[in-house]
Amino acid sequence: MMETLLQPAIHAAVRPTEVPVRLPYGILGFEQHTDWVLISVPGEEPFQWLQVVDDPRLAFVVVAPEAVTANYFPDLSPDDVEKIGLESSDDAMTLNIVTIRPNGQSTVNLKGPIILNRHTLTGKQVIPVNAIGLNVQHPLPVDA
């Protein structure tokens, strides 16, 4: 189990946007944490923070896949679609966890996206049906 030591660097003059998010099944390795907040800090786009509500020391850097790769379409199982409550693909918001390596290439996990229902802000980390063709350590483009 890896716990991040990074936290959002929020300065007094910067007003982040915080959106509560519910992940009833948690995130792999952190299943006990179901209440999260998605934090957007001006100037850190396209990156955001997914932070545990009851333990702010636990936060992940996340990014929307369109910011780092083209043609990313995770295929969800009918069970995942039902659990997230998606009626159409337009209802889904996809986030991918970023791994920051201080002395190397940072990567994005495309194999385990977090899919949120845009309307309910409830979601689930999923393993897409087409996961075999997706990379767990997709190189983060320098210009992202």
Protein backbone atom coordinates (compact mmCIF):
# COMPACT_ATOMS: atom_id res chain seq x y z
CA MET A 1 0.00 0.00 0.00
CA MET A 2 1.47 3.32 -1.08
CA GLU A 3 0.42 6.54 0.63
CA THR A 4 1.20 9.79 -1.09
CA LEU A 5 3.15 12.42 0.77
CA LEU A 6 2.15 15.11 -1.67
CA GLN A 7 -0.59 17.54 -0.77
CA PRO A 8 -2.19 20.39 -2.65
CA ALA A 9 -0.03 23.51 -2.36
CA ILE A 10 -2.74 26.05 -1.64
CA HIS A 11 -1.67 29.63 -1.10
CA ALA A 12 -3.80 32.24 0.68
CA ALA A 13 -4.40 34.22 -2.54
CA VAL A 14 -5.57 31.13 -4.48
CA ARG A 15 -9.14 29.92 -4.09
CA PRO A 16 -9.39 26.25 -4.99
CA THR A 17 -12.63 24.67 -6.08
CA GLU A 18 -13.66 21.69 -3.99
CA VAL A 19 -16.28 19.19 -5.12
CA PRO A 20 -17.37 16.33 -2.82
CA VAL A 21 -17.12 12.93 -4.48
CA ARG A 22 -18.43 9.59 -3.21
CA LEU A 23 -16.56 6.39 -4.08
CA PRO A 24 -18.57 3.65 -2.28
CA TYR A 25 -15.92 1.02 -3.08
CA GLY A 26 -12.95 3.29 -2.37
CA ILE A 27 -9.81 3.11 -4.49
CA LEU A 28 -7.68 0.00 -4.83
CA GLY A 29 -5.68 -0.23 -1.61
CA PHE A 30 -7.82 2.41 0.05
CA GLU A 31 -11.22 0.70 0.04
CA GLN A 32 -12.05 2.02 3.53
CA HIS A 33 -12.07 5.61 2.24
CA THR A 34 -15.37 6.38 0.52
CA ASP A 35 -15.73 10.15 0.95
CA TRP A 36 -13.38 12.23 -1.16
CA VAL A 37 -13.11 15.79 -2.44
CA LEU A 38 -11.95 16.72 -5.94
CA ILE A 39 -9.82 19.85 -5.64
CA SER A 40 -9.02 22.14 -8.57
CA VAL A 41 -6.29 24.69 -7.85
CA PRO A 42 -5.97 27.58 -10.31
CA GLY A 43 -2.66 27.37 -12.14
CA GLU A 44 -2.35 23.59 -11.71
CA GLU A 45 -4.54 22.68 -14.67
CA PRO A 46 -5.02 20.11 -16.13
CA PHE A 47 -4.18 18.39 -12.84
CA GLN A 48 -6.51 18.10 -9.86
CA TRP A 49 -6.30 16.50 -6.43
CA LEU A 50 -8.49 13.68 -5.17
CA GLN A 51 -8.26 13.95 -1.39
CA VAL A 52 -9.76 11.83 1.40
CA VAL A 53 -12.21 13.90 3.45
CA ASP A 54 -11.34 12.42 6.85
CA ASP A 55 -7.57 12.25 6.22
CA PRO A 56 -6.34 15.24 4.16
CA ARG A 57 -2.81 13.76 4.20
CA LEU A 58 -4.04 11.18 1.70
CA ALA A 59 -4.43 12.70 -1.76
CA PHE A 60 -3.79 11.63 -5.32
CA VAL A 61 -2.95 13.77 -8.32
CA VAL A 62 -5.49 13.04 -11.05
CA VAL A 63 -5.96 14.19 -14.61
CA ALA A 64 -8.66 13.88 -17.26
CA PRO A 65 -7.36 11.45 -19.91
CA GLU A 66 -7.93 13.84 -22.82
CA ALA A 67 -5.17 16.03 -21.37
CA VAL A 68 -2.58 13.28 -21.76
CA THR A 69 -3.61 10.96 -24.57
CA ALA A 70 -5.88 10.79 -27.61
CA ASN A 71 -8.37 8.03 -28.32
CA TYR A 72 -8.74 6.77 -24.74
CA PHE A 73 -12.05 4.98 -24.41
CA PRO A 74 -12.25 2.63 -21.43
CA ASP A 75 -14.95 0.02 -22.05
CA LEU A 76 -17.01 -0.42 -18.88
CA SER A 77 -18.73 -3.63 -17.85
CA PRO A 78 -22.53 -3.55 -17.52
CA ASP A 79 -22.05 -4.10 -13.77
CA ASP A 80 -19.82 -1.01 -13.47
CA VAL A 81 -22.24 1.07 -15.56
CA GLU A 82 -25.06 0.06 -13.22
CA LYS A 83 -23.07 0.67 -10.01
CA ILE A 84 -22.05 4.15 -11.19
CA GLY A 85 -25.58 4.89 -12.42
CA LEU A 86 -24.66 5.88 -15.97
CA GLU A 87 -27.47 6.21 -18.48
CA SER A 88 -25.21 7.39 -21.32
CA SER A 89 -21.52 7.96 -21.93
CA ASP A 90 -22.17 11.70 -21.55
CA ASP A 91 -22.95 11.06 -17.86
CA ALA A 92 -19.38 9.83 -17.23
CA MET A 93 -16.40 11.88 -16.10
CA THR A 94 -13.11 10.00 -16.25
CA LEU A 95 -10.08 10.69 -14.07
CA ASN A 96 -6.75 8.90 -14.08
CA ILE A 97 -4.26 8.74 -11.22
CA VAL A 98 -0.85 10.28 -11.86
CA THR A 99 2.32 8.83 -10.37
CA ILE A 100 4.92 11.54 -9.85
CA ARG A 101 8.50 10.36 -9.94
CA PRO A 102 10.94 13.08 -8.85
CA ASN A 103 13.90 11.51 -10.65
CA GLY A 104 12.15 10.01 -13.63
CA GLN A 105 9.24 9.99 -16.01
CA SER A 106 5.90 10.61 -14.33
CA THR A 107 3.12 8.34 -15.52
CA VAL A 108 -0.66 8.06 -15.73
CA ASN A 109 -2.61 4.90 -14.89
CA LEU A 110 -4.91 4.27 -17.86
CA LYS A 111 -5.73 0.72 -16.73
CA GLY A 112 -7.55 1.74 -13.51
CA PRO A 113 -9.54 4.91 -14.23
CA ILE A 114 -11.93 6.48 -11.77
CA ILE A 115 -15.30 6.93 -13.45
CA LEU A 116 -17.70 9.45 -11.89
CA ASN A 117 -21.34 10.09 -12.66
CA ARG A 118 -21.35 13.82 -13.53
CA HIS A 119 -24.82 14.27 -12.02
CA THR A 120 -24.50 12.38 -8.74
CA LEU A 121 -20.70 12.73 -8.25
CA THR A 122 -20.66 9.08 -7.23
CA GLY A 123 -18.17 6.82 -8.90
CA LYS A 124 -15.92 3.82 -8.90
CA GLN A 125 -12.39 2.89 -9.83
CA VAL A 126 -12.79 0.32 -12.58
CA ILE A 127 -10.76 -2.13 -14.59
CA PRO A 128 -12.09 -1.61 -18.13
CA VAL A 129 -13.13 -4.59 -20.23
CA ASN A 130 -10.48 -3.49 -22.74
CA ALA A 131 -7.79 -3.17 -20.02
CA ILE A 132 -5.44 -5.53 -21.85
CA GLY A 133 -4.73 -2.77 -24.36
CA LEU A 134 -4.25 -0.04 -21.73
CA ASN A 135 -1.08 0.96 -19.93
CA VAL A 136 -0.78 1.23 -16.14
CA GLN A 137 2.28 3.48 -16.59
CA HIS A 138 1.49 5.66 -19.58
CA PRO A 139 4.23 8.32 -19.86
CA LEU A 140 2.99 11.76 -18.90
CA PRO A 141 3.58 14.13 -21.80
CA VAL A 142 5.97 16.97 -20.97
CA ASP A 143 3.44 19.59 -22.10
CA ALA A 144 0.50 18.25 -19.99
